[in-house]
């Protein structure tokens, strides 16, 4: 089935990949800062960062600007397939719901349908993206700077020292993180867009899409940050996880560090993902419209 916007699955994959690449290139330093802040408090890490501004200044001053891009190779290789899977899987799950539950009528799609499709797409994406996330986190961690000289070394050492399944450490919190974020993101976009003032022309339409993507991304990020924080800790080399499962790890952080620490890195996550969500939606729209006419 082809969606009512005229895009085939192949075009969804291409547009989603371009959207993801644009997002990661523009916002990656904030992801480094987020991970550094989340790893504070675990064994073997320092507590050098008071907030995201202090973290940015400290990393820039002590390590140089290039370390704000340390580990970017892994997400660059991951982003195209990851976002491609997210957008195309989301549309595929929507097609199934429309065909089997809504009588092939796209006008009957409701926010709960979008939430389910987004959560399912996020879960699908997690199993593709987990190895890239593991390597990215290990490259970003300050205590690993002398351990891993580059992304390739991090990959080889992780597999040789811990086995291939080490690339799937933290898969459960990653599934929860992705399911919550994508479910809320895709469900919120049309709801937010409905309340925005109508703007004339293509630029006005793109501006509204940017705002709705940014707002939806902020809501989703606030909801899934505890899962992301636990994921980062479970995937780092030095972290001795109290359990392989997400709930005991959440409870461990809550009991030993307090409820607020479950939201470590929320500031840089919002600073990254709010505009990142808008950039992603706009980049997807522009690429999709180009593919409609050029291909």
C-alpha atoms as a PDB file:
ATOM      1  CA  UNK A   1       0.000   0.000   0.000  1.00  0.00           C
ATOM      2  CA  UNK A   2       1.240   3.487  -0.840  1.00  0.00           C
ATOM      3  CA  UNK A   3       0.498   6.179   1.736  1.00  0.00           C
ATOM      4  CA  UNK A   4      -1.852   9.036   0.776  1.00  0.00           C
ATOM      5  CA  UNK A   5       1.106  11.407   0.503  1.00  0.00           C
ATOM      6  CA  UNK A   6       2.291   9.414  -2.525  1.00  0.00           C
ATOM      7  CA  UNK A   7       5.483   8.021  -0.985  1.00  0.00           C
ATOM      8  CA  UNK A   8       6.515   4.422  -1.510  1.00  0.00           C
ATOM      9  CA  UNK A   9       8.434   2.453   1.121  1.00  0.00           C
ATOM     10  CA  UNK A  10      11.690   3.048  -0.769  1.00  0.00           C
ATOM     11  CA  UNK A  11      11.143   6.801  -0.743  1.00  0.00           C
ATOM     12  CA  UNK A  12      10.282   6.710   2.972  1.00  0.00           C
ATOM     13  CA  UNK A  13      13.587   4.925   3.612  1.00  0.00           C
ATOM     14  CA  UNK A  14      15.585   7.506   1.636  1.00  0.00           C
ATOM     15  CA  UNK A  15      13.791  10.520   3.127  1.00  0.00           C
ATOM     16  CA  UNK A  16      14.112   9.106   6.648  1.00  0.00           C
ATOM     17  CA  UNK A  17      17.818   8.452   6.174  1.00  0.00           C
ATOM     18  CA  UNK A  18      18.497  11.989   4.944  1.00  0.00           C
ATOM     19  CA  UNK A  19      16.452  13.431   7.839  1.00  0.00           C
ATOM     20  CA  UNK A  20      18.440  11.455  10.403  1.00  0.00           C
ATOM     21  CA  UNK A  21      21.787  12.425   8.923  1.00  0.00           C
ATOM     22  CA  UNK A  22      20.864  16.130   9.028  1.00  0.00           C
ATOM     23  CA  UNK A  23      19.790  15.806  12.662  1.00  0.00           C
ATOM     24  CA  UNK A  24      22.903  14.032  13.948  1.00  0.00           C
ATOM     25  CA  UNK A  25      25.399  16.316  12.185  1.00  0.00           C
ATOM     26  CA  UNK A  26      23.815  19.473  13.609  1.00  0.00           C
ATOM     27  CA  UNK A  27      23.220  18.291  17.183  1.00  0.00           C
ATOM     28  CA  UNK A  28      25.904  15.694  18.031  1.00  0.00           C
ATOM     29  CA  UNK A  29      27.975  17.738  20.552  1.00  0.00           C
ATOM     30  CA  UNK A  30      24.905  17.920  22.801  1.00  0.00           C
ATOM     31  CA  UNK A  31      24.685  14.124  22.705  1.00  0.00           C
ATOM     32  CA  UNK A  32      28.285  13.886  23.954  1.00  0.00           C
ATOM     33  CA  UNK A  33      27.471  16.283  26.792  1.00  0.00           C
ATOM     34  CA  UNK A  34      24.309  14.339  27.638  1.00  0.00           C
ATOM     35  CA  UNK A  35      26.187  11.027  27.863  1.00  0.00           C
ATOM     36  CA  UNK A  36      28.997  12.499  29.985  1.00  0.00           C
ATOM     37  CA  UNK A  37      26.444  13.894  32.453  1.00  0.00           C
ATOM     38  CA  UNK A  38      24.532  10.604  32.614  1.00  0.00           C
ATOM     39  CA  UNK A  39      27.679   8.601  33.381  1.00  0.00           C
ATOM     40  CA  UNK A  40      28.525  10.778  36.375  1.00  0.00           C
ATOM     41  CA  UNK A  41      28.021   8.961  39.636  1.00  0.00           C
ATOM     42  CA  UNK A  42      28.805   5.485  38.320  1.00  0.00           C
ATOM     43  CA  UNK A  43      31.939   3.650  39.364  1.00  0.00           C
ATOM     44  CA  UNK A  44      35.033   4.890  37.607  1.00  0.00           C
ATOM     45  CA  UNK A  45      33.613   8.206  36.457  1.00  0.00           C
ATOM     46  CA  UNK A  46      34.228  11.718  37.698  1.00  0.00           C
ATOM     47  CA  UNK A  47      31.614  14.272  38.715  1.00  0.00           C
ATOM     48  CA  UNK A  48      33.089  17.204  36.849  1.00  0.00           C
ATOM     49  CA  UNK A  49      30.000  18.725  35.253  1.00  0.00           C
ATOM     50  CA  UNK A  50      27.557  20.945  37.149  1.00  0.00           C
ATOM     51  CA  UNK A  51      25.220  21.497  34.177  1.00  0.00           C
ATOM     52  CA  UNK A  52      25.298  21.299  30.388  1.00  0.00           C
ATOM     53  CA  UNK A  53      26.894  24.742  29.984  1.00  0.00           C
ATOM     54  CA  UNK A  54      29.650  23.840  32.432  1.00  0.00           C
ATOM     55  CA  UNK A  55      30.090  20.496  30.681  1.00  0.00           C
ATOM     56  CA  UNK A  56      30.451  22.191  27.301  1.00  0.00           C
ATOM     57  CA  UNK A  57      32.987  24.685  28.665  1.00  0.00           C
ATOM     58  CA  UNK A  58      34.972  22.000  30.543  1.00  0.00           C
ATOM     59  CA  UNK A  59      35.197  19.629  27.578  1.00  0.00           C
ATOM     60  CA  UNK A  60      36.082  22.472  25.208  1.00  0.00           C
ATOM     61  CA  UNK A  61      38.773  23.871  27.546  1.00  0.00           C
ATOM     62  CA  UNK A  62      40.334  20.620  28.778  1.00  0.00           C
ATOM     63  CA  UNK A  63      39.954  18.326  25.776  1.00  0.00           C
ATOM     64  CA  UNK A  64      39.432  20.555  22.741  1.00  0.00           C
ATOM     65  CA  UNK A  65      36.503  21.061  20.400  1.00  0.00           C
ATOM     66  CA  UNK A  66      37.125  17.834  18.492  1.00  0.00           C
ATOM     67  CA  UNK A  67      36.185  15.766  21.546  1.00  0.00           C
ATOM     68  CA  UNK A  68      32.684  17.229  21.301  1.00  0.00           C
ATOM     69  CA  UNK A  69      32.484  15.087  18.166  1.00  0.00           C
ATOM     70  CA  UNK A  70      34.207  12.023  19.618  1.00  0.00           C
ATOM     71  CA  UNK A  71      32.372   8.869  18.543  1.00  0.00           C
ATOM     72  CA  UNK A  72      30.362  10.550  15.775  1.00  0.00           C
ATOM     73  CA  UNK A  73      31.397   7.914  13.217  1.00  0.00           C
ATOM     74  CA  UNK A  74      29.154   5.320  14.875  1.00  0.00           C
ATOM     75  CA  UNK A  75      25.941   7.409  14.752  1.00  0.00           C
ATOM     76  CA  UNK A  76      26.739   8.633  11.223  1.00  0.00           C
ATOM     77  CA  UNK A  77      26.814   5.013  10.068  1.00  0.00           C
ATOM     78  CA  UNK A  78      23.731   4.310  12.195  1.00  0.00           C
ATOM     79  CA  UNK A  79      21.583   7.337  11.440  1.00  0.00           C
ATOM     80  CA  UNK A  80      20.715   6.596   7.834  1.00  0.00           C
ATOM     81  CA  UNK A  81      19.420   3.057   8.488  1.00  0.00           C
ATOM     82  CA  UNK A  82      18.023   4.006  11.911  1.00  0.00           C
ATOM     83  CA  UNK A  83      15.877   6.935  10.786  1.00  0.00           C
ATOM     84  CA  UNK A  84      15.034   5.176   7.551  1.00  0.00           C
ATOM     85  CA  UNK A  85      13.696   2.255   9.567  1.00  0.00           C
ATOM     86  CA  UNK A  86      11.826   4.594  11.916  1.00  0.00           C
ATOM     87  CA  UNK A  87       9.929   6.440   9.211  1.00  0.00           C
ATOM     88  CA  UNK A  88       9.362   3.480   6.906  1.00  0.00           C
ATOM     89  CA  UNK A  89       8.402   1.071   9.717  1.00  0.00           C
ATOM     90  CA  UNK A  90       6.086   3.656  11.230  1.00  0.00           C
ATOM     91  CA  UNK A  91       4.325   4.024   7.876  1.00  0.00           C
ATOM     92  CA  UNK A  92       4.221   0.258   7.344  1.00  0.00           C
ATOM     93  CA  UNK A  93       2.581  -0.320  10.730  1.00  0.00           C
ATOM     94  CA  UNK A  94       0.128   2.496   9.951  1.00  0.00           C
ATOM     95  CA  UNK A  95      -0.718   0.836   6.623  1.00  0.00           C
ATOM     96  CA  UNK A  96      -1.467  -2.424   8.463  1.00  0.00           C
ATOM     97  CA  UNK A  97      -3.798  -0.680  10.912  1.00  0.00           C
ATOM     98  CA  UNK A  98      -5.561   1.264   8.149  1.00  0.00           C
ATOM     99  CA  UNK A  99      -5.973  -1.850   6.007  1.00  0.00           C
ATOM    100  CA  UNK A 100      -7.107  -4.226   8.767  1.00  0.00           C
ATOM    101  CA  UNK A 101      -8.928  -2.020  11.272  1.00  0.00           C
ATOM    102  CA  UNK A 102      -9.989   1.178   9.529  1.00  0.00           C
ATOM    103  CA  UNK A 103     -11.294  -0.034   6.187  1.00  0.00           C
ATOM    104  CA  UNK A 104      -8.457   1.561   4.166  1.00  0.00           C
ATOM    105  CA  UNK A 105      -9.598   5.012   5.298  1.00  0.00           C
ATOM    106  CA  UNK A 106      -6.638   7.147   6.407  1.00  0.00           C
ATOM    107  CA  UNK A 107      -8.986   9.843   7.705  1.00  0.00           C
ATOM    108  CA  UNK A 108      -9.945   7.519  10.569  1.00  0.00           C
ATOM    109  CA  UNK A 109      -6.406   7.393  11.971  1.00  0.00           C
ATOM    110  CA  UNK A 110      -6.410   8.646  15.577  1.00  0.00           C
ATOM    111  CA  UNK A 111      -3.572   9.659  17.959  1.00  0.00           C
ATOM    112  CA  UNK A 112      -3.692   6.269  19.689  1.00  0.00           C
ATOM    113  CA  UNK A 113      -3.051   4.576  16.335  1.00  0.00           C
ATOM    114  CA  UNK A 114      -0.102   6.885  15.693  1.00  0.00           C
ATOM    115  CA  UNK A 115       1.252   6.206  19.191  1.00  0.00           C
ATOM    116  CA  UNK A 116       1.106   2.443  18.645  1.00  0.00           C
ATOM    117  CA  UNK A 117       2.760   2.665  15.216  1.00  0.00           C
ATOM    118  CA  UNK A 118       5.493   4.948  16.550  1.00  0.00           C
ATOM    119  CA  UNK A 119       6.190   2.676  19.528  1.00  0.00           C
ATOM    120  CA  UNK A 120       6.341  -0.381  17.271  1.00  0.00           C
ATOM    121  CA  UNK A 121       8.686   1.418  14.865  1.00  0.00           C
ATOM    122  CA  UNK A 122      10.902   2.516  17.764  1.00  0.00           C
ATOM    123  CA  UNK A 123      11.102  -1.057  19.037  1.00  0.00           C
ATOM    124  CA  UNK A 124      12.040  -2.308  15.584  1.00  0.00           C
ATOM    125  CA  UNK A 125      14.713   0.380  15.303  1.00  0.00           C
ATOM    126  CA  UNK A 126      16.243  -0.532  18.687  1.00  0.00           C
ATOM    127  CA  UNK A 127      17.419  -3.954  17.510  1.00  0.00           C
ATOM    128  CA  UNK A 128      19.174  -2.390  14.518  1.00  0.00           C
ATOM    129  CA  UNK A 129      20.654   0.519  16.424  1.00  0.00           C
ATOM    130  CA  UNK A 130      21.827  -1.087  19.687  1.00  0.00           C
ATOM    131  CA  UNK A 131      25.384  -2.019  18.556  1.00  0.00           C
ATOM    132  CA  UNK A 132      25.935   1.536  17.295  1.00  0.00           C
ATOM    133  CA  UNK A 133      24.659   2.944  20.600  1.00  0.00           C
ATOM    134  CA  UNK A 134      27.024   0.746  22.623  1.00  0.00           C
ATOM    135  CA  UNK A 135      30.073   1.892  20.667  1.00  0.00           C
ATOM    136  CA  UNK A 136      28.958   5.532  20.688  1.00  0.00           C
ATOM    137  CA  UNK A 137      28.534   5.578  24.480  1.00  0.00           C
ATOM    138  CA  UNK A 138      31.904   3.928  25.051  1.00  0.00           C
ATOM    139  CA  UNK A 139      33.619   6.426  22.769  1.00  0.00           C
ATOM    140  CA  UNK A 140      31.898   9.364  24.496  1.00  0.00           C
ATOM    141  CA  UNK A 141      32.816   8.318  28.065  1.00  0.00           C
ATOM    142  CA  UNK A 142      35.746  10.371  29.369  1.00  0.00           C
ATOM    143  CA  UNK A 143      37.343   7.442  31.225  1.00  0.00           C
ATOM    144  CA  UNK A 144      37.533   5.502  27.935  1.00  0.00           C
ATOM    145  CA  UNK A 145      39.569   8.095  26.036  1.00  0.00           C
ATOM    146  CA  UNK A 146      42.832   6.175  26.488  1.00  0.00           C
ATOM    147  CA  UNK A 147      41.123   2.808  26.082  1.00  0.00           C
ATOM    148  CA  UNK A 148      39.591   3.419  22.664  1.00  0.00           C
ATOM    149  CA  UNK A 149      41.536   5.519  20.162  1.00  0.00           C
ATOM    150  CA  UNK A 150      38.778   5.443  17.574  1.00  0.00           C
ATOM    151  CA  UNK A 151      35.433   3.845  16.771  1.00  0.00           C
ATOM    152  CA  UNK A 152      36.979   0.830  15.023  1.00  0.00           C
ATOM    153  CA  UNK A 153      39.221   0.065  18.021  1.00  0.00           C
ATOM    154  CA  UNK A 154      36.211   0.352  20.348  1.00  0.00           C
ATOM    155  CA  UNK A 155      34.287  -2.126  18.210  1.00  0.00           C
ATOM    156  CA  UNK A 156      37.129  -4.656  18.008  1.00  0.00           C
ATOM    157  CA  UNK A 157      37.966  -4.459  21.733  1.00  0.00           C
ATOM    158  CA  UNK A 158      34.339  -4.760  22.765  1.00  0.00           C
ATOM    159  CA  UNK A 159      33.837  -7.912  20.697  1.00  0.00           C
ATOM    160  CA  UNK A 160      37.216  -9.517  21.512  1.00  0.00           C
ATOM    161  CA  UNK A 161      37.052  -8.844  25.260  1.00  0.00           C
ATOM    162  CA  UNK A 162      33.332  -9.297  25.940  1.00  0.00           C
ATOM    163  CA  UNK A 163      31.921 -11.198  22.987  1.00  0.00           C
ATOM    164  CA  UNK A 164      29.558 -10.268  20.180  1.00  0.00           C
ATOM    165  CA  UNK A 165      26.549 -10.073  22.497  1.00  0.00           C
ATOM    166  CA  UNK A 166      28.181  -7.156  24.331  1.00  0.00           C
ATOM    167  CA  UNK A 167      26.972  -5.069  21.387  1.00  0.00           C
ATOM    168  CA  UNK A 168      23.454  -5.648  22.704  1.00  0.00           C
ATOM    169  CA  UNK A 169      24.064  -4.505  26.265  1.00  0.00           C
ATOM    170  CA  UNK A 170      21.261  -2.224  27.372  1.00  0.00           C
ATOM    171  CA  UNK A 171      18.832  -3.461  24.719  1.00  0.00           C
ATOM    172  CA  UNK A 172      15.861  -3.474  27.121  1.00  0.00           C
ATOM    173  CA  UNK A 173      16.118   0.184  28.212  1.00  0.00           C
ATOM    174  CA  UNK A 174      16.854   1.072  24.582  1.00  0.00           C
ATOM    175  CA  UNK A 175      13.603  -0.591  23.514  1.00  0.00           C
ATOM    176  CA  UNK A 176      11.698   1.291  26.205  1.00  0.00           C
ATOM    177  CA  UNK A 177      13.448   4.556  25.326  1.00  0.00           C
ATOM    178  CA  UNK A 178      12.668   4.221  21.627  1.00  0.00           C
ATOM    179  CA  UNK A 179       9.101   2.986  22.101  1.00  0.00           C
ATOM    180  CA  UNK A 180       8.168   5.832  24.457  1.00  0.00           C
ATOM    181  CA  UNK A 181       9.879   8.533  22.391  1.00  0.00           C
ATOM    182  CA  UNK A 182       8.602   7.477  18.975  1.00  0.00           C
ATOM    183  CA  UNK A 183       5.108   6.706  20.209  1.00  0.00           C
ATOM    184  CA  UNK A 184       4.710  10.152  21.753  1.00  0.00           C
ATOM    185  CA  UNK A 185       6.552  11.939  18.920  1.00  0.00           C
ATOM    186  CA  UNK A 186       4.381  10.647  16.081  1.00  0.00           C
ATOM    187  CA  UNK A 187       1.176  10.941  18.133  1.00  0.00           C
ATOM    188  CA  UNK A 188       1.855  14.525  19.242  1.00  0.00           C
ATOM    189  CA  UNK A 189       2.890  16.064  15.911  1.00  0.00           C
ATOM    190  CA  UNK A 190      -0.590  16.311  14.322  1.00  0.00           C
ATOM    191  CA  UNK A 191      -2.136  17.339  17.655  1.00  0.00           C
ATOM    192  CA  UNK A 192       0.367  20.176  18.113  1.00  0.00           C
ATOM    193  CA  UNK A 193       0.097  21.239  14.476  1.00  0.00           C
ATOM    194  CA  UNK A 194      -3.671  21.551  14.831  1.00  0.00           C
ATOM    195  CA  UNK A 195      -3.273  24.351  17.397  1.00  0.00           C
ATOM    196  CA  UNK A 196      -0.660  26.339  15.488  1.00  0.00           C
ATOM    197  CA  UNK A 197      -1.786  29.382  13.475  1.00  0.00           C
ATOM    198  CA  UNK A 198      -2.039  28.674   9.764  1.00  0.00           C
ATOM    199  CA  UNK A 199       0.798  30.235   7.775  1.00  0.00           C
ATOM    200  CA  UNK A 200       0.794  30.970   4.064  1.00  0.00           C
ATOM    201  CA  UNK A 201       3.188  29.436   1.589  1.00  0.00           C
ATOM    202  CA  UNK A 202       5.606  26.541   1.725  1.00  0.00           C
ATOM    203  CA  UNK A 203       7.954  28.308   4.157  1.00  0.00           C
ATOM    204  CA  UNK A 204       5.081  28.905   6.568  1.00  0.00           C
ATOM    205  CA  UNK A 205       4.083  25.256   6.346  1.00  0.00           C
ATOM    206  CA  UNK A 206       7.663  24.131   6.994  1.00  0.00           C
ATOM    207  CA  UNK A 207       7.914  26.510   9.960  1.00  0.00           C
ATOM    208  CA  UNK A 208       4.803  24.948  11.504  1.00  0.00           C
ATOM    209  CA  UNK A 209       6.224  21.481  10.930  1.00  0.00           C
ATOM    210  CA  UNK A 210       9.456  22.531  12.637  1.00  0.00           C
ATOM    211  CA  UNK A 211       7.541  23.860  15.665  1.00  0.00           C
ATOM    212  CA  UNK A 212       5.287  20.800  15.930  1.00  0.00           C
ATOM    213  CA  UNK A 213       8.313  18.503  15.623  1.00  0.00           C
ATOM    214  CA  UNK A 214      10.203  20.461  18.293  1.00  0.00           C
ATOM    215  CA  UNK A 215       7.268  20.452  20.735  1.00  0.00           C
ATOM    216  CA  UNK A 216       6.532  16.761  20.161  1.00  0.00           C
ATOM    217  CA  UNK A 217      10.213  15.946  20.621  1.00  0.00           C
ATOM    218  CA  UNK A 218      10.363  17.876  23.907  1.00  0.00           C
ATOM    219  CA  UNK A 219       7.355  16.018  25.320  1.00  0.00           C
ATOM    220  CA  UNK A 220       8.786  12.654  24.247  1.00  0.00           C
ATOM    221  CA  UNK A 221      12.232  13.472  25.642  1.00  0.00           C
ATOM    222  CA  UNK A 222      10.851  14.401  29.069  1.00  0.00           C
ATOM    223  CA  UNK A 223       9.009  11.077  29.171  1.00  0.00           C
ATOM    224  CA  UNK A 224      11.848   8.739  28.155  1.00  0.00           C
ATOM    225  CA  UNK A 225      14.948  10.262  29.791  1.00  0.00           C
ATOM    226  CA  UNK A 226      15.131   7.773  32.731  1.00  0.00           C
ATOM    227  CA  UNK A 227      15.347   4.898  30.243  1.00  0.00           C
ATOM    228  CA  UNK A 228      18.054   6.720  28.279  1.00  0.00           C
ATOM    229  CA  UNK A 229      20.073   7.420  31.425  1.00  0.00           C
ATOM    230  CA  UNK A 230      20.009   3.760  32.500  1.00  0.00           C
ATOM    231  CA  UNK A 231      20.812   2.674  28.941  1.00  0.00           C
ATOM    232  CA  UNK A 232      23.948   4.829  28.840  1.00  0.00           C
ATOM    233  CA  UNK A 233      25.211   3.404  32.119  1.00  0.00           C
ATOM    234  CA  UNK A 234      24.503  -0.203  31.181  1.00  0.00           C
ATOM    235  CA  UNK A 235      26.299   0.199  27.857  1.00  0.00           C
ATOM    236  CA  UNK A 236      29.464   1.803  29.212  1.00  0.00           C
ATOM    237  CA  UNK A 237      32.524  -0.383  29.728  1.00  0.00           C
ATOM    238  CA  UNK A 238      33.137   0.280  33.432  1.00  0.00           C
ATOM    239  CA  UNK A 239      29.565   0.161  34.727  1.00  0.00           C
ATOM    240  CA  UNK A 240      28.784  -2.773  37.017  1.00  0.00           C
ATOM    241  CA  UNK A 241      25.081  -3.144  36.440  1.00  0.00           C
ATOM    242  CA  UNK A 242      23.048  -4.497  39.369  1.00  0.00           C
ATOM    243  CA  UNK A 243      20.842  -6.323  36.868  1.00  0.00           C
ATOM    244  CA  UNK A 244      20.436  -7.085  33.170  1.00  0.00           C
ATOM    245  CA  UNK A 245      16.917  -5.665  33.344  1.00  0.00           C
ATOM    246  CA  UNK A 246      15.779  -2.065  33.271  1.00  0.00           C
ATOM    247  CA  UNK A 247      13.531  -1.866  36.354  1.00  0.00           C
ATOM    248  CA  UNK A 248      16.170  -2.964  38.929  1.00  0.00           C
ATOM    249  CA  UNK A 249      18.602  -0.465  37.411  1.00  0.00           C
ATOM    250  CA  UNK A 250      16.046   2.346  37.649  1.00  0.00           C
ATOM    251  CA  UNK A 251      15.384   1.427  41.275  1.00  0.00           C
ATOM    252  CA  UNK A 252      19.123   1.236  42.001  1.00  0.00           C
ATOM    253  CA  UNK A 253      19.693   4.789  40.734  1.00  0.00           C
ATOM    254  CA  UNK A 254      16.621   6.021  42.611  1.00  0.00           C
ATOM    255  CA  UNK A 255      17.729   4.446  45.916  1.00  0.00           C
ATOM    256  CA  UNK A 256      21.426   5.339  45.727  1.00  0.00           C
ATOM    257  CA  UNK A 257      21.344   8.733  43.986  1.00  0.00           C
ATOM    258  CA  UNK A 258      17.779  10.012  44.247  1.00  0.00           C
ATOM    259  CA  UNK A 259      14.877  10.593  41.861  1.00  0.00           C
ATOM    260  CA  UNK A 260      16.424  13.659  40.198  1.00  0.00           C
ATOM    261  CA  UNK A 261      19.397  11.634  38.978  1.00  0.00           C
ATOM    262  CA  UNK A 262      17.046   9.599  36.790  1.00  0.00           C
ATOM    263  CA  UNK A 263      16.825  12.776  34.729  1.00  0.00           C
ATOM    264  CA  UNK A 264      20.557  13.380  34.364  1.00  0.00           C
ATOM    265  CA  UNK A 265      21.227  14.827  30.925  1.00  0.00           C
ATOM    266  CA  UNK A 266      17.657  16.087  30.425  1.00  0.00           C
ATOM    267  CA  UNK A 267      18.879  19.626  29.664  1.00  0.00           C
ATOM    268  CA  UNK A 268      21.236  18.706  26.802  1.00  0.00           C
ATOM    269  CA  UNK A 269      18.757  16.090  25.563  1.00  0.00           C
ATOM    270  CA  UNK A 270      16.038  18.733  25.204  1.00  0.00           C
ATOM    271  CA  UNK A 271      18.535  21.228  23.772  1.00  0.00           C
ATOM    272  CA  UNK A 272      19.467  18.620  21.181  1.00  0.00           C
ATOM    273  CA  UNK A 273      16.236  16.764  20.484  1.00  0.00           C
ATOM    274  CA  UNK A 274      13.795  19.695  20.506  1.00  0.00           C
ATOM    275  CA  UNK A 275      15.378  21.448  17.509  1.00  0.00           C
ATOM    276  CA  UNK A 276      16.547  18.038  16.289  1.00  0.00           C
ATOM    277  CA  UNK A 277      12.958  16.808  16.078  1.00  0.00           C
ATOM    278  CA  UNK A 278      12.015  19.907  14.100  1.00  0.00           C
ATOM    279  CA  UNK A 279      15.036  19.574  11.822  1.00  0.00           C
ATOM    280  CA  UNK A 280      14.238  15.913  11.231  1.00  0.00           C
ATOM    281  CA  UNK A 281      10.619  16.562  10.255  1.00  0.00           C
ATOM    282  CA  UNK A 282      11.539  19.459   7.958  1.00  0.00           C
ATOM    283  CA  UNK A 283      14.415  17.526   6.341  1.00  0.00           C
ATOM    284  CA  UNK A 284      12.102  14.542   5.838  1.00  0.00           C
ATOM    285  CA  UNK A 285       9.419  16.751   4.268  1.00  0.00           C
ATOM    286  CA  UNK A 286      11.834  18.549   1.931  1.00  0.00           C
ATOM    287  CA  UNK A 287      13.476  15.277   0.832  1.00  0.00           C
ATOM    288  CA  UNK A 288      10.127  13.533   0.393  1.00  0.00           C
ATOM    289  CA  UNK A 289       8.752  16.363  -1.760  1.00  0.00           C
ATOM    290  CA  UNK A 290      11.882  16.285  -3.881  1.00  0.00           C
ATOM    291  CA  UNK A 291      11.560  12.517  -4.384  1.00  0.00           C
ATOM    292  CA  UNK A 292       7.922  12.889  -5.436  1.00  0.00           C
ATOM    293  CA  UNK A 293       8.873  15.102  -8.355  1.00  0.00           C
ATOM    294  CA  UNK A 294      12.369  13.849  -9.210  1.00  0.00           C
ATOM    295  CA  UNK A 295      11.738  10.118  -8.973  1.00  0.00           C
END
